[in-house]
Each structure stands twice: as structure tokens, then as C-alpha cells.
C-alpha atoms as a PDB file:
ATOM      1  CA  MET A   1      -0.049   0.019  -0.015  1.00  0.00           C
ATOM      2  CA  SER A   2       1.137   3.431  -0.793  1.00  0.00           C
ATOM      3  CA  LEU A   3       2.399   5.718   1.930  1.00  0.00           C
ATOM      4  CA  PHE A   4      -0.127   8.412   0.942  1.00  0.00           C
ATOM      5  CA  ARG A   5      -2.963   5.923   1.220  1.00  0.00           C
ATOM      6  CA  LYS A   6      -1.847   4.898   4.710  1.00  0.00           C
ATOM      7  CA  ILE A   7      -1.759   8.490   5.804  1.00  0.00           C
ATOM      8  CA  PHE A   8      -4.863   9.892   3.940  1.00  0.00           C
ATOM      9  CA  GLY A   9      -6.846   6.790   3.411  1.00  0.00           C
ATOM     10  CA  ASN A  10      -8.096   5.333   0.123  1.00  0.00           C
ATOM     11  CA  SER A  11      -9.304   8.287  -1.828  1.00  0.00           C
ATOM     12  CA  SER A  12     -10.714   6.162  -4.516  1.00  0.00           C
ATOM     13  CA  GLU A  13     -13.463   4.990  -2.186  1.00  0.00           C
ATOM     14  CA  SER A  14     -14.842   8.493  -1.741  1.00  0.00           C
ATOM     15  CA  THR A  15     -14.237  10.259  -5.013  1.00  0.00           C
ATOM     16  CA  ASN A  16     -16.980  12.356  -6.467  1.00  0.00           C
ATOM     17  CA  GLU A  17     -16.734  10.467  -9.673  1.00  0.00           C
ATOM     18  CA  GLU A  18     -17.569   7.190  -8.059  1.00  0.00           C
ATOM     19  CA  LYS A  19     -20.505   8.740  -6.227  1.00  0.00           C
ATOM     20  CA  GLY A  20     -21.754  10.005  -9.627  1.00  0.00           C
ATOM     21  CA  GLN A  21     -21.061  13.628  -8.632  1.00  0.00           C
ATOM     22  CA  LYS A  22     -19.308  16.242 -10.658  1.00  0.00           C
ATOM     23  CA  SER A  23     -17.141  19.053  -9.250  1.00  0.00           C
ATOM     24  CA  PRO A  24     -19.002  22.305  -9.222  1.00  0.00           C
ATOM     25  CA  TYR A  25     -16.223  23.885 -11.305  1.00  0.00           C
ATOM     26  CA  THR A  26     -16.720  21.345 -14.109  1.00  0.00           C
ATOM     27  CA  PRO A  27     -18.510  23.072 -17.028  1.00  0.00           C
ATOM     28  CA  GLU A  28     -21.643  21.660 -18.246  1.00  0.00           C
ATOM     29  CA  GLU A  29     -20.893  19.891 -21.461  1.00  0.00           C
ATOM     30  CA  ASN A  30     -24.413  19.731 -22.921  1.00  0.00           C
ATOM     31  CA  THR A  31     -25.705  23.156 -22.002  1.00  0.00           C
ATOM     32  CA  PRO A  32     -27.342  24.699 -25.164  1.00  0.00           C
ATOM     33  CA  VAL A  33     -25.487  27.838 -26.210  1.00  0.00           C
ATOM     34  CA  ASP A  34     -28.692  30.032 -25.860  1.00  0.00           C
ATOM     35  CA  GLU A  35     -29.028  29.006 -22.320  1.00  0.00           C
ATOM     36  CA  MET A  36     -25.386  29.411 -21.624  1.00  0.00           C
ATOM     37  CA  PHE A  37     -25.477  32.911 -23.038  1.00  0.00           C
ATOM     38  CA  THR A  38     -28.570  33.898 -21.161  1.00  0.00           C
ATOM     39  CA  ASN A  39     -27.028  32.681 -17.819  1.00  0.00           C
ATOM     40  CA  PHE A  40     -23.707  34.470 -18.245  1.00  0.00           C
ATOM     41  CA  PHE A  41     -25.204  37.643 -19.687  1.00  0.00           C
ATOM     42  CA  LYS A  42     -27.545  38.038 -16.687  1.00  0.00           C
ATOM     43  CA  LYS A  43     -24.704  37.243 -14.270  1.00  0.00           C
ATOM     44  CA  ASN A  44     -22.731  40.063 -15.954  1.00  0.00           C
ATOM     45  CA  GLY A  45     -25.597  42.433 -15.135  1.00  0.00           C
ATOM     46  CA  GLY A  46     -27.237  42.628 -18.601  1.00  0.00           C
ATOM     47  CA  LYS A  47     -30.959  43.105 -19.130  1.00  0.00           C
ATOM     48  CA  PHE A  48     -32.339  40.425 -21.442  1.00  0.00           C
ATOM     49  CA  ILE A  49     -35.725  40.678 -23.256  1.00  0.00           C
ATOM     50  CA  TYR A  50     -36.687  37.675 -25.312  1.00  0.00           C
ATOM     51  CA  CYS A  51     -39.082  38.494 -28.304  1.00  0.00           C
ATOM     52  CA  GLU A  52     -40.913  36.060 -30.531  1.00  0.00           C
ATOM     53  CA  ASN A  53     -41.640  38.530 -33.330  1.00  0.00           C
ATOM     54  CA  LEU A  54     -40.947  42.073 -34.504  1.00  0.00           C
ATOM     55  CA  GLU A  55     -44.129  43.314 -32.859  1.00  0.00           C
ATOM     56  CA  GLU A  56     -42.712  42.179 -29.452  1.00  0.00           C
ATOM     57  CA  ILE A  57     -39.490  43.971 -30.290  1.00  0.00           C
ATOM     58  CA  SER A  58     -41.328  47.201 -30.887  1.00  0.00           C
ATOM     59  CA  GLU A  59     -43.509  46.820 -27.756  1.00  0.00           C
ATOM     60  CA  ASN A  60     -40.487  46.082 -25.544  1.00  0.00           C
ATOM     61  CA  PHE A  61     -38.529  48.970 -27.086  1.00  0.00           C
ATOM     62  CA  ILE A  62     -41.371  51.273 -25.953  1.00  0.00           C
ATOM     63  CA  ASN A  63     -41.344  49.700 -22.592  1.00  0.00           C
ATOM     64  CA  ILE A  64     -37.554  50.516 -22.275  1.00  0.00           C
ATOM     65  CA  LEU A  65     -38.184  54.073 -23.345  1.00  0.00           C
ATOM     66  CA  GLU A  66     -40.983  54.430 -20.688  1.00  0.00           C
ATOM     67  CA  GLU A  67     -38.974  52.766 -17.967  1.00  0.00           C
ATOM     68  CA  ASN A  68     -36.016  55.282 -18.400  1.00  0.00           C
ATOM     69  CA  ASP A  69     -38.111  58.330 -19.638  1.00  0.00           C
ATOM     70  CA  TRP A  70     -36.209  58.453 -22.858  1.00  0.00           C
ATOM     71  CA  PHE A  71     -39.217  59.599 -25.113  1.00  0.00           C
ATOM     72  CA  GLU A  72     -38.305  62.466 -27.392  1.00  0.00           C
ATOM     73  CA  SER A  73     -34.664  62.337 -26.436  1.00  0.00           C
ATOM     74  CA  ASN A  74     -31.447  62.148 -28.421  1.00  0.00           C
ATOM     75  CA  VAL A  75     -30.197  58.790 -29.592  1.00  0.00           C
ATOM     76  CA  LEU A  76     -26.819  57.768 -31.193  1.00  0.00           C
ATOM     77  CA  CYS A  77     -27.550  55.232 -33.933  1.00  0.00           C
ATOM     78  CA  TYR A  78     -25.408  54.655 -37.070  1.00  0.00           C
ATOM     79  CA  GLU A  79     -27.502  51.940 -38.633  1.00  0.00           C
ATOM     80  CA  GLN A  80     -30.252  52.938 -41.139  1.00  0.00           C
ATOM     81  CA  ILE A  81     -32.096  49.594 -40.595  1.00  0.00           C
ATOM     82  CA  LEU A  82     -32.997  50.629 -36.963  1.00  0.00           C
ATOM     83  CA  HIS A  83     -34.106  54.266 -37.836  1.00  0.00           C
ATOM     84  CA  HIS A  84     -37.758  53.336 -38.275  1.00  0.00           C
ATOM     85  CA  LEU A  85     -38.053  52.300 -34.592  1.00  0.00           C
ATOM     86  CA  LEU A  86     -36.549  55.563 -33.524  1.00  0.00           C
ATOM     87  CA  ASN A  87     -38.703  57.694 -35.916  1.00  0.00           C
ATOM     88  CA  ASP A  88     -41.821  55.885 -34.744  1.00  0.00           C
ATOM     89  CA  ASN A  89     -41.268  56.925 -31.153  1.00  0.00           C
ATOM     90  CA  ARG A  90     -40.162  60.556 -32.017  1.00  0.00           C
ATOM     91  CA  LEU A  91     -36.579  60.072 -31.059  1.00  0.00           C
ATOM     92  CA  ASN A  92     -33.866  62.405 -32.383  1.00  0.00           C
ATOM     93  CA  ILE A  93     -30.924  60.680 -34.251  1.00  0.00           C
ATOM     94  CA  VAL A  94     -27.695  62.545 -33.357  1.00  0.00           C
ATOM     95  CA  SER A  95     -24.165  61.869 -34.577  1.00  0.00           C
ATOM     96  CA  THR A  96     -22.087  62.435 -31.401  1.00  0.00           C
ATOM     97  CA  SER A  97     -22.314  60.599 -28.094  1.00  0.00           C
ATOM     98  CA  GLU A  98     -22.232  63.770 -25.982  1.00  0.00           C
ATOM     99  CA  ASP A  99     -25.679  64.709 -27.031  1.00  0.00           C
ATOM    100  CA  ALA A 100     -27.227  61.192 -26.765  1.00  0.00           C
ATOM    101  CA  LYS A 101     -29.256  59.662 -23.950  1.00  0.00           C
ATOM    102  CA  PHE A 102     -28.522  56.113 -25.263  1.00  0.00           C
ATOM    103  CA  TYR A 103     -26.878  54.207 -28.064  1.00  0.00           C
ATOM    104  CA  PHE A 104     -28.941  51.915 -30.330  1.00  0.00           C
ATOM    105  CA  SER A 105     -27.350  49.220 -32.454  1.00  0.00           C
ATOM    106  CA  THR A 106     -27.300  45.708 -33.619  1.00  0.00           C
ATOM    107  CA  CYS A 107     -24.141  43.473 -33.070  1.00  0.00           C
ATOM    108  CA  GLU A 108     -22.010  40.917 -34.811  1.00  0.00           C
ATOM    109  CA  ASN A 109     -22.546  38.035 -32.253  1.00  0.00           C
ATOM    110  CA  LEU A 110     -23.480  37.030 -28.806  1.00  0.00           C
ATOM    111  CA  ILE A 111     -20.676  35.052 -27.084  1.00  0.00           C
ATOM    112  CA  ALA A 112     -22.260  32.310 -24.912  1.00  0.00           C
ATOM    113  CA  ASP A 113     -19.241  31.134 -22.889  1.00  0.00           C
ATOM    114  CA  GLU A 114     -18.774  34.628 -21.323  1.00  0.00           C
ATOM    115  CA  GLY A 115     -22.113  36.324 -21.820  1.00  0.00           C
ATOM    116  CA  SER A 116     -20.534  39.171 -23.903  1.00  0.00           C
ATOM    117  CA  ILE A 117     -21.565  40.999 -27.055  1.00  0.00           C
ATOM    118  CA  LEU A 118     -19.299  41.264 -30.094  1.00  0.00           C
ATOM    119  CA  PHE A 119     -19.326  44.486 -32.037  1.00  0.00           C
ATOM    120  CA  SER A 120     -17.362  45.834 -35.003  1.00  0.00           C
ATOM    121  CA  SER A 121     -16.977  49.070 -37.006  1.00  0.00           C
ATOM    122  CA  ASN A 122     -20.376  48.323 -38.557  1.00  0.00           C
ATOM    123  CA  GLN A 123     -21.961  49.266 -35.264  1.00  0.00           C
ATOM    124  CA  PHE A 124     -19.328  51.439 -33.477  1.00  0.00           C
ATOM    125  CA  LYS A 125     -17.746  53.176 -36.465  1.00  0.00           C
ATOM    126  CA  HIS A 126     -14.480  54.462 -35.132  1.00  0.00           C
ATOM    127  CA  ASN A 127     -15.554  54.785 -31.454  1.00  0.00           C
ATOM    128  CA  LYS A 128     -14.264  52.848 -28.557  1.00  0.00           C
ATOM    129  CA  PRO A 129     -16.786  51.435 -26.060  1.00  0.00           C
ATOM    130  CA  ASN A 130     -15.934  54.106 -23.423  1.00  0.00           C
ATOM    131  CA  GLU A 131     -16.597  56.819 -26.012  1.00  0.00           C
ATOM    132  CA  LEU A 132     -20.244  55.713 -26.464  1.00  0.00           C
ATOM    133  CA  PRO A 133     -23.134  56.483 -24.038  1.00  0.00           C
ATOM    134  CA  THR A 134     -23.306  54.345 -20.902  1.00  0.00           C
ATOM    135  CA  ASN A 135     -26.912  53.409 -21.762  1.00  0.00           C
ATOM    136  CA  MET A 136     -27.242  51.019 -24.607  1.00  0.00           C
ATOM    137  CA  VAL A 137     -30.063  49.090 -26.367  1.00  0.00           C
ATOM    138  CA  VAL A 138     -28.868  46.292 -28.643  1.00  0.00           C
ATOM    139  CA  PHE A 139     -31.006  44.372 -31.214  1.00  0.00           C
ATOM    140  CA  ALA A 140     -29.862  40.831 -31.924  1.00  0.00           C
ATOM    141  CA  THR A 141     -31.273  37.436 -33.110  1.00  0.00           C
ATOM    142  CA  THR A 142     -30.940  33.993 -31.722  1.00  0.00           C
ATOM    143  CA  SER A 143     -29.044  32.851 -34.738  1.00  0.00           C
ATOM    144  CA  GLN A 144     -26.187  35.252 -33.739  1.00  0.00           C
ATOM    145  CA  ILE A 145     -25.396  33.227 -30.574  1.00  0.00           C
ATOM    146  CA  VAL A 146     -22.087  31.480 -30.856  1.00  0.00           C
ATOM    147  CA  LYS A 147     -20.167  29.513 -28.304  1.00  0.00           C
ATOM    148  CA  SER A 148     -16.938  31.488 -28.098  1.00  0.00           C
ATOM    149  CA  LYS A 149     -15.053  34.568 -29.366  1.00  0.00           C
ATOM    150  CA  GLY A 150     -13.190  32.314 -31.781  1.00  0.00           C
ATOM    151  CA  ASP A 151     -16.556  31.235 -33.282  1.00  0.00           C
ATOM    152  CA  GLY A 152     -17.582  34.853 -33.383  1.00  0.00           C
ATOM    153  CA  LEU A 153     -14.487  35.794 -35.391  1.00  0.00           C
ATOM    154  CA  ARG A 154     -14.918  32.906 -37.887  1.00  0.00           C
ATOM    155  CA  PHE A 155     -18.512  33.969 -38.264  1.00  0.00           C
ATOM    156  CA  ILE A 156     -17.377  37.531 -39.192  1.00  0.00           C
ATOM    157  CA  LYS A 157     -14.772  36.063 -41.581  1.00  0.00           C
ATOM    158  CA  GLN A 158     -17.449  34.015 -43.386  1.00  0.00           C
ATOM    159  CA  LYS A 159     -20.059  36.796 -43.353  1.00  0.00           C
ATOM    160  CA  TYR A 160     -17.876  39.504 -44.910  1.00  0.00           C
ATOM    161  CA  ASP A 161     -15.777  37.327 -47.106  1.00  0.00           C
ATOM    162  CA  SER A 162     -12.890  39.756 -47.769  1.00  0.00           C
ATOM    163  CA  ASP A 163     -14.192  43.169 -46.770  1.00  0.00           C
ATOM    164  CA  TYR A 164     -13.595  42.572 -43.004  1.00  0.00           C
ATOM    165  CA  PRO A 165     -14.808  45.219 -40.542  1.00  0.00           C
ATOM    166  CA  SER A 166     -12.297  46.885 -38.131  1.00  0.00           C
ATOM    167  CA  ASN A 167     -12.754  47.878 -34.623  1.00  0.00           C
ATOM    168  CA  ILE A 168     -13.776  44.441 -33.433  1.00  0.00           C
ATOM    169  CA  THR A 169     -14.474  44.484 -29.698  1.00  0.00           C
ATOM    170  CA  THR A 170     -16.662  42.802 -27.019  1.00  0.00           C
ATOM    171  CA  ILE A 171     -18.560  44.374 -24.108  1.00  0.00           C
ATOM    172  CA  LYS A 172     -18.966  42.079 -21.086  1.00  0.00           C
ATOM    173  CA  TYR A 173     -19.667  44.183 -18.060  1.00  0.00           C
ATOM    174  CA  PHE A 174     -23.200  45.637 -17.784  1.00  0.00           C
ATOM    175  CA  GLU A 175     -23.193  47.006 -14.235  1.00  0.00           C
ATOM    176  CA  GLU A 176     -20.795  49.315 -12.289  1.00  0.00           C
ATOM    177  CA  VAL A 177     -18.256  47.655 -10.090  1.00  0.00           C
ATOM    178  CA  THR A 178     -18.458  49.001  -6.631  1.00  0.00           C
ATOM    179  CA  GLU A 179     -14.858  48.061  -5.642  1.00  0.00           C
ATOM    180  CA  GLU A 180     -11.693  48.134  -7.756  1.00  0.00           C
ATOM    181  CA  ASP A 181     -11.452  44.762  -9.520  1.00  0.00           C
ATOM    182  CA  PHE A 182      -8.442  43.923 -11.604  1.00  0.00           C
ATOM    183  CA  LEU A 183     -10.573  41.732 -13.786  1.00  0.00           C
ATOM    184  CA  HIS A 184     -12.535  44.888 -14.831  1.00  0.00           C
ATOM    185  CA  TYR A 185      -9.499  47.043 -15.331  1.00  0.00           C
ATOM    186  CA  GLY A 186      -9.604  48.961 -18.605  1.00  0.00           C
ATOM    187  CA  SER A 187     -13.198  47.924 -19.396  1.00  0.00           C
ATOM    188  CA  SER A 188     -16.218  50.310 -19.340  1.00  0.00           C
ATOM    189  CA  HIS A 189     -19.485  49.086 -17.934  1.00  0.00           C
ATOM    190  CA  LYS A 190     -22.711  49.677 -19.925  1.00  0.00           C
ATOM    191  CA  ASN A 191     -26.349  49.765 -18.758  1.00  0.00           C
ATOM    192  CA  LEU A 192     -27.314  47.436 -21.614  1.00  0.00           C
ATOM    193  CA  TYR A 193     -30.771  46.198 -22.697  1.00  0.00           C
ATOM    194  CA  LEU A 194     -30.661  43.244 -25.222  1.00  0.00           C
ATOM    195  CA  LEU A 195     -33.702  42.794 -27.431  1.00  0.00           C
ATOM    196  CA  LEU A 196     -33.358  39.249 -28.615  1.00  0.00           C
ATOM    197  CA  LEU A 197     -35.510  38.144 -31.553  1.00  0.00           C
ATOM    198  CA  GLU A 198     -36.122  34.391 -32.077  1.00  0.00           C
ATOM    199  CA  ASP A 199     -35.385  33.537 -35.629  1.00  0.00           C
ATOM    200  CA  LEU A 200     -34.504  29.820 -35.569  1.00  0.00           C
END
């Protein structure tokens, strides 16, 4: 018998694996990516609103405006495809973040394994995240959920073929950190609402 077994006992008799238990730190292998994204996104402080159709997107967008008293305010939005929602609710589209109550955009992908949102110059133009308003509303679809950043970058490469966007970045923290945390160093938090449309 080994010296360690004499001192500590036979560990194989009481291992978690033999009892059919997993370590709490072992990642779930079969968790669907949409569920994984939702869990991590909420844990990061994001506000998640699931919508089954475009009518629900419009209704929930109005609810966000009401909740924050953003009606008839200035909005930073670079994407023409979203302007109808802003015009319908009498919001003024501005070109600089200093004048805007919130930022409204789409995104490239939703990253499941860290609950972050991947953006590029198609949404941010030349801006860095800390140069955009703290309040953000993002429109995305369930088909944009990918497991990792690597999958997101591959998705961008396939989507744009050779005309790749620049300024590719993720936003992960959606609430202000009360204490100094080295994990958050250099990142800017955003008060972010995600309008997620089911399209699968």
C-alpha cells in the first residue's frame, strides 16, 4: 500500500466520480449555447428581453423608453435599418455621443461562454466602447449566438468574405463595479438592454 494511502486513506473509495457527482467547477458539457449565453449575460448584469416577433421588439422597445423616460430624447444610432423604430417613437438621431441619452445598435454576435456581445466598426464606427453612451439598447437574433469569441471571429470572416470590418471588440460588463477589481481594469461598464428576436 502506498504511503499516501496509509496517511490519507483510500481516496478512490470516496471520490466524487464514483459517487456520480461532478465538481461544481466542471463546465456543463451539454448546455445549449442560448441557455449558456442567457445565464452568463444576466450574471454580468445585462438586461435580457426575449421576443418572438418584430411586434414584440417594438412593444419592448417602447417599454424600455418608458422605464427610463427616454421619449423625445437624443439617440446615437449609425444603422439605417434601425431608424424606423426611432422615428416611430419621436426620437432624435444624433451623430455624437455627448448629445445622446442612449446608443442603439445591432451587433455581430453574442458570445455564450462569457455572456458578452461582439461588435465591429459596422456598429461602433471609429468609437471605442468608453466613447459611447453608458446606456445602450442592442437588437440581436438567436441565430447570432455562438459559443466562443473564436466562433464569433470565424462567423465575421465568413459573413464579410474579404471586406472585413475593423474595430472588433466585445462588451462584457453591464453594471458598475463597486470596488476596484483587476478583472474589470480597462473595461467600461454599460447599462445594456438586449432585445433578442427568435429567428431559428
